[in-house]
Amino acid sequence: MKKYIYLAGFAAAVIAIFALSQAIGVVIFSLVSSTVLVVYSILQGGPFLDFSTVTRLVDQYILVGIMLGCLLSLPLYWLFFQVRNTCLEKKTGLLEYSRLNRAPFFQLAAGLLAGVSIYLIIIGIIEIFELRQHFPKHDEILEPVILQPGFLISLLGVGVIIPLVEELALRGLIFNRMREDLPITTALLLQAMVFSLLHLNPLQAGYAFIGGLLLGLAYLWTGSLLIPVIMHISWNSASVFLSYFSTLEPNILNMIAFILAGSAILALSMCYLKISSKKETVSFYQGA
């Protein structure tokens, strides 16, 4: 029982750091940006910006605060791991424990294709079954984050920084820790469930669970956190690119093509990751 309490405490600490750092990042960004906007309006001799105008401008670029929080979580995770090592008399570094190591080029390419295919399948299913109408909060939450800040900020934040930190937290730390005390199938399901619950609406949580399983399998099979990182980055980046540049009509034929093409690419990519991984590369670090 004690080991499960320690496991729950470890997972709770990782999630708490993730949530707290994002909250701090958003607060810092809001305070700094609102102060800059007010000072700028005064220096320009223009009309003093009212509270609603400042709030609207800050909300438009709130993704910057989330990005800042994600970056802030990295040294916090390092500090957390140093404290953990001191308490348990361990010497394993954060990157070694999470296995953020190099991977073969073709595995990276397979991971990239798998991530894009996941998004194609998701968007196809959402459009065919008109799930946006049943889950309106999905677009209300995601569209402002992706579309309001501009393409480059969205690509950097949603496409790169957020998935990198999420993979370090979910697969590199929580899944690895679960792997030490739980059967692998249980650990795989639980880490996907945690990944799902971190998202803010039922529709996103639903496909995040499936995505979490695939990301966990890729990590398990290859033994390198870099593969799910690439998968997650390409998944999110595909979402950003299509949100800004796609002119394709979301009719049923196009969406069926998305699902069929995505399913074929995903199956081939995951199969390649499975068969190309050597047995010695999938054994996780033990006794860390």
Protein backbone atom coordinates (compact mmCIF):
# COMPACT_ATOMS: atom_id res chain seq x y z
CA MET A 1 0.00 0.00 0.00
CA LYS A 2 2.83 2.37 0.85
CA LYS A 3 4.30 2.18 -2.64
CA TYR A 4 0.96 3.18 -4.16
CA ILE A 5 0.74 6.16 -1.83
CA TYR A 6 4.22 7.23 -2.92
CA LEU A 7 3.23 6.74 -6.55
CA ALA A 8 0.09 8.87 -6.13
CA GLY A 9 2.12 11.54 -4.36
CA PHE A 10 4.68 11.59 -7.17
CA ALA A 11 1.99 11.94 -9.86
CA ALA A 12 0.15 14.61 -7.86
CA ALA A 13 3.37 16.60 -7.45
CA VAL A 14 4.11 16.47 -11.18
CA ILE A 15 0.58 17.62 -12.05
CA ALA A 16 0.66 20.32 -9.36
CA ILE A 17 3.92 21.72 -10.74
CA PHE A 18 2.44 21.76 -14.23
CA ALA A 19 -0.74 23.57 -13.11
CA LEU A 20 0.99 25.96 -10.71
CA SER A 21 3.66 26.99 -13.20
CA GLN A 22 1.03 27.77 -15.84
CA ALA A 23 -0.97 29.82 -13.35
CA ILE A 24 2.15 31.76 -12.38
CA GLY A 25 3.06 32.29 -16.04
CA VAL A 26 -0.39 33.65 -16.87
CA VAL A 27 -0.35 35.99 -13.85
CA ILE A 28 3.12 37.31 -14.69
CA PHE A 29 2.19 37.84 -18.33
CA SER A 30 -1.08 39.56 -17.41
CA LEU A 31 0.58 41.94 -14.94
CA VAL A 32 3.53 42.80 -17.18
CA SER A 33 1.54 43.19 -20.40
CA SER A 34 -1.21 45.28 -18.79
CA THR A 35 1.39 47.54 -17.18
CA VAL A 36 3.22 47.95 -20.47
CA LEU A 37 -0.01 48.78 -22.30
CA VAL A 38 -1.02 51.43 -19.76
CA VAL A 39 2.44 53.02 -19.68
CA TYR A 40 2.61 53.02 -23.48
CA SER A 41 -0.75 54.76 -23.79
CA ILE A 42 0.40 57.43 -21.32
CA LEU A 43 3.71 57.99 -23.10
CA GLN A 44 1.95 58.31 -26.44
CA GLY A 45 -0.32 60.98 -25.00
CA GLY A 46 -3.36 59.07 -26.19
CA PRO A 47 -6.51 58.21 -24.32
CA PHE A 48 -6.00 56.19 -21.17
CA LEU A 49 -6.82 52.54 -21.82
CA ASP A 50 -9.80 51.35 -19.82
CA PHE A 51 -9.86 48.06 -17.98
CA SER A 52 -11.99 46.25 -20.57
CA THR A 53 -9.60 47.19 -23.40
CA VAL A 54 -6.56 46.02 -21.44
CA THR A 55 -8.32 42.77 -20.52
CA ARG A 56 -9.27 42.12 -24.14
CA LEU A 57 -5.71 42.63 -25.36
CA VAL A 58 -4.27 40.44 -22.61
CA ASP A 59 -6.82 37.69 -23.33
CA GLN A 60 -5.89 37.78 -27.00
CA TYR A 61 -2.32 36.79 -26.19
CA ILE A 62 -2.95 34.65 -23.11
CA LEU A 63 -1.14 31.81 -24.88
CA VAL A 64 2.09 33.71 -24.22
CA GLY A 65 1.41 33.38 -20.50
CA ILE A 66 0.75 29.67 -20.88
CA MET A 67 4.01 29.28 -22.81
CA LEU A 68 5.84 31.19 -20.07
CA GLY A 69 4.33 28.87 -17.48
CA CYS A 70 5.40 25.78 -19.42
CA LEU A 71 8.96 27.06 -19.62
CA LEU A 72 8.87 27.87 -15.91
CA SER A 73 7.88 24.28 -15.15
CA LEU A 74 11.16 22.93 -16.57
CA PRO A 75 13.46 24.25 -13.80
CA LEU A 76 10.74 23.35 -11.27
CA TYR A 77 10.76 19.76 -12.49
CA TRP A 78 14.56 19.74 -12.27
CA LEU A 79 14.35 21.05 -8.68
CA PHE A 80 11.64 18.51 -7.83
CA PHE A 81 13.83 15.72 -9.13
CA GLN A 82 16.85 16.97 -7.16
CA VAL A 83 14.78 16.92 -3.96
CA ARG A 84 13.47 13.47 -4.85
CA ASN A 85 16.99 12.16 -5.44
CA THR A 86 18.20 13.61 -2.14
CA CYS A 87 15.34 12.07 -0.16
CA LEU A 88 15.67 8.66 -1.80
CA GLU A 89 19.47 8.75 -2.15
CA LYS A 90 19.25 8.38 -5.93
CA LYS A 91 21.56 9.81 -8.57
CA THR A 92 19.48 9.53 -11.74
CA GLY A 93 19.12 12.82 -13.60
CA LEU A 94 15.81 14.15 -14.88
CA LEU A 95 16.68 13.61 -18.55
CA GLU A 96 18.09 10.15 -17.90
CA TYR A 97 15.00 9.11 -15.95
CA SER A 98 12.61 10.44 -18.59
CA ARG A 99 14.76 8.90 -21.35
CA LEU A 100 14.89 12.01 -23.51
CA ASN A 101 17.56 10.46 -25.67
CA ARG A 102 18.33 10.18 -29.35
CA ALA A 103 16.25 8.02 -31.66
CA PRO A 104 16.84 6.71 -35.22
CA PHE A 105 15.80 9.01 -38.05
CA PHE A 106 13.15 6.69 -39.44
CA GLN A 107 11.56 6.29 -36.02
CA LEU A 108 11.40 10.08 -35.77
CA ALA A 109 9.83 10.23 -39.23
CA ALA A 110 7.30 7.55 -38.25
CA GLY A 111 6.48 9.51 -35.11
CA LEU A 112 5.95 12.68 -37.11
CA LEU A 113 3.61 10.93 -39.56
CA ALA A 114 1.73 9.25 -36.71
CA GLY A 115 1.09 12.60 -35.05
CA VAL A 116 -0.28 14.18 -38.22
CA SER A 117 -2.45 11.13 -38.90
CA ILE A 118 -3.94 11.30 -35.39
CA TYR A 119 -5.12 14.83 -36.11
CA LEU A 120 -6.55 13.86 -39.51
CA ILE A 121 -8.60 11.08 -37.92
CA ILE A 122 -9.82 13.31 -35.11
CA ILE A 123 -10.90 16.20 -37.35
CA GLY A 124 -12.60 13.77 -39.74
CA ILE A 125 -14.65 12.16 -36.98
CA ILE A 126 -15.54 15.52 -35.43
CA GLU A 127 -16.84 16.88 -38.73
CA ILE A 128 -18.69 13.76 -39.92
CA PHE A 129 -20.58 13.30 -36.66
CA GLU A 130 -21.00 17.07 -36.14
CA LEU A 131 -19.54 16.80 -32.65
CA ARG A 132 -18.90 20.55 -32.45
CA GLN A 133 -22.64 21.08 -32.12
CA HIS A 134 -22.86 18.63 -29.22
CA PHE A 135 -19.74 19.95 -27.51
CA PRO A 136 -19.67 23.74 -28.15
CA LYS A 137 -17.13 24.32 -25.36
CA HIS A 138 -14.53 22.50 -27.46
CA ASP A 139 -14.21 25.34 -29.98
CA GLU A 140 -14.86 28.02 -27.36
CA ILE A 141 -11.74 26.87 -25.50
CA LEU A 142 -9.44 25.98 -28.40
CA GLU A 143 -10.16 28.61 -31.05
CA PRO A 144 -9.11 31.67 -28.98
CA VAL A 145 -5.88 29.96 -27.96
CA ILE A 146 -5.01 28.92 -31.52
CA LEU A 147 -6.42 31.72 -33.69
CA GLN A 148 -6.21 34.93 -31.64
CA PRO A 149 -2.44 35.19 -30.97
CA GLY A 150 -1.37 34.79 -34.61
CA PHE A 151 0.19 31.90 -36.50
CA LEU A 152 3.79 32.06 -35.26
CA ILE A 153 2.89 32.40 -31.59
CA SER A 154 0.35 29.57 -31.89
CA LEU A 155 2.81 27.33 -33.71
CA LEU A 156 5.51 27.95 -31.10
CA GLY A 157 3.19 27.59 -28.11
CA VAL A 158 0.52 25.05 -29.09
CA GLY A 159 2.72 23.27 -31.62
CA VAL A 160 6.03 22.98 -29.76
CA ILE A 161 6.35 24.20 -26.16
CA ILE A 162 3.14 22.81 -24.68
CA PRO A 163 3.49 19.28 -26.15
CA LEU A 164 7.15 19.13 -25.13
CA VAL A 165 6.37 19.91 -21.49
CA GLU A 166 3.29 17.67 -21.44
CA GLU A 167 5.33 14.73 -22.71
CA LEU A 168 8.04 15.31 -20.12
CA ALA A 169 5.41 15.39 -17.37
CA LEU A 170 3.04 12.66 -18.56
CA ARG A 171 5.21 10.11 -20.30
CA GLY A 172 8.69 10.97 -19.04
CA LEU A 173 7.80 11.27 -15.36
CA ILE A 174 4.33 9.94 -14.51
CA PHE A 175 4.28 6.96 -16.90
CA ASN A 176 7.83 6.04 -15.97
CA ARG A 177 6.99 6.19 -12.27
CA MET A 178 3.82 4.12 -12.77
CA ARG A 179 5.87 1.60 -14.72
CA GLU A 180 7.97 0.91 -11.61
CA ASP A 181 5.07 -0.23 -9.39
CA LEU A 182 2.21 -1.21 -11.70
CA PRO A 183 1.66 -3.77 -14.47
CA ILE A 184 2.50 -2.19 -17.80
CA THR A 185 -1.09 -2.34 -19.12
CA THR A 186 -2.41 -0.63 -15.98
CA ALA A 187 0.30 2.01 -16.17
CA LEU A 188 -0.43 2.63 -19.84
CA LEU A 189 -4.16 3.09 -19.20
CA LEU A 190 -3.67 5.29 -16.15
CA GLN A 191 -1.22 7.67 -17.81
CA ALA A 192 -3.63 8.07 -20.73
CA MET A 193 -6.44 8.77 -18.26
CA VAL A 194 -4.37 11.45 -16.53
CA PHE A 195 -3.55 13.00 -19.90
CA SER A 196 -7.25 12.98 -20.75
CA LEU A 197 -8.31 14.60 -17.47
CA LEU A 198 -5.83 17.46 -17.95
CA HIS A 199 -7.88 18.67 -20.90
CA LEU A 200 -10.76 21.01 -20.33
CA ASN A 201 -13.79 19.57 -22.09
CA PRO A 202 -15.35 16.12 -22.68
CA LEU A 203 -14.72 15.97 -26.42
CA GLN A 204 -11.05 16.88 -26.13
CA ALA A 205 -10.66 14.57 -23.14
CA GLY A 206 -12.12 11.71 -25.19
CA TYR A 207 -9.65 11.88 -28.05
CA ALA A 208 -6.83 12.83 -25.67
CA PHE A 209 -7.29 9.45 -23.97
CA ILE A 210 -6.83 7.59 -27.26
CA GLY A 211 -3.93 9.84 -28.16
CA GLY A 212 -2.39 9.24 -24.75
CA LEU A 213 -2.50 5.49 -25.33
CA LEU A 214 -0.73 5.87 -28.68
CA LEU A 215 1.88 8.24 -27.24
CA GLY A 216 2.46 5.83 -24.36
CA LEU A 217 2.85 2.88 -26.70
CA ALA A 218 5.34 4.78 -28.85
CA TYR A 219 7.34 5.60 -25.72
CA LEU A 220 7.17 2.05 -24.45
CA TRP A 221 8.17 0.47 -27.75
CA THR A 222 11.05 2.81 -28.59
CA GLY A 223 12.33 3.62 -25.11
CA SER A 224 12.89 7.23 -26.15
CA LEU A 225 10.76 10.16 -25.01
CA LEU A 226 11.76 11.94 -28.20
CA ILE A 227 9.33 9.80 -30.24
CA PRO A 228 6.13 10.78 -28.37
CA VAL A 229 7.44 14.35 -28.24
CA ILE A 230 7.69 14.40 -32.05
CA MET A 231 4.27 12.73 -32.35
CA HIS A 232 2.65 15.27 -30.04
CA ILE A 233 4.37 18.22 -31.73
CA SER A 234 3.28 17.11 -35.20
CA TRP A 235 -0.28 16.43 -33.94
CA ASN A 236 -0.63 19.91 -32.45
CA SER A 237 1.25 21.63 -35.27
CA ALA A 238 -1.05 20.03 -37.85
CA SER A 239 -3.96 21.51 -35.93
CA VAL A 240 -2.38 24.98 -36.06
CA PHE A 241 -1.48 24.78 -39.76
CA LEU A 242 -4.92 23.60 -40.86
CA SER A 243 -6.66 26.15 -38.63
CA TYR A 244 -4.82 28.98 -40.42
CA PHE A 245 -4.30 27.76 -43.96
CA SER A 246 -6.78 25.02 -44.86
CA THR A 247 -9.27 25.96 -47.59
CA LEU A 248 -10.66 22.44 -47.87
CA GLU A 249 -14.41 22.14 -47.47
CA PRO A 250 -15.31 19.94 -44.46
CA ASN A 251 -17.75 17.86 -46.47
CA ILE A 252 -18.29 14.17 -45.81
CA LEU A 253 -16.14 12.93 -48.72
CA ASN A 254 -13.14 15.00 -47.67
CA MET A 255 -13.54 13.92 -44.06
CA ILE A 256 -13.81 10.24 -45.01
CA ALA A 257 -10.61 10.69 -47.00
CA PHE A 258 -8.99 12.23 -43.91
CA ILE A 259 -10.04 9.27 -41.77
CA LEU A 260 -8.97 6.61 -44.27
CA ALA A 261 -5.64 8.24 -45.07
CA GLY A 262 -4.97 9.00 -41.43
CA SER A 263 -5.84 5.46 -40.34
CA ALA A 264 -3.55 3.92 -42.96
CA ILE A 265 -0.63 6.22 -42.10
CA LEU A 266 -1.15 5.74 -38.37
CA ALA A 267 -1.26 1.94 -38.68
CA LEU A 268 1.90 1.84 -40.80
CA SER A 269 3.73 4.31 -38.55
CA MET A 270 2.86 2.53 -35.31
CA CYS A 271 3.71 -0.84 -36.82
CA TYR A 272 7.09 0.49 -37.88
CA LEU A 273 7.76 1.85 -34.38
CA LYS A 274 6.87 -1.55 -32.96
CA ILE A 275 8.93 -3.74 -35.27
CA SER A 276 11.92 -1.39 -35.54
CA SER A 277 12.51 -1.20 -31.79
CA LYS A 278 15.15 -3.47 -30.38
CA LYS A 279 14.39 -5.26 -27.14
CA GLU A 280 17.22 -3.58 -25.30
CA THR A 281 15.86 -0.12 -26.12
CA VAL A 282 12.42 -0.66 -24.59
CA SER A 283 13.49 -1.76 -21.11
CA PHE A 284 12.84 1.22 -18.89
CA TYR A 285 15.34 2.39 -16.32
CA GLN A 286 14.83 0.33 -13.18
CA GLY A 287 15.54 1.39 -9.63
CA ALA A 288 15.82 5.07 -10.46
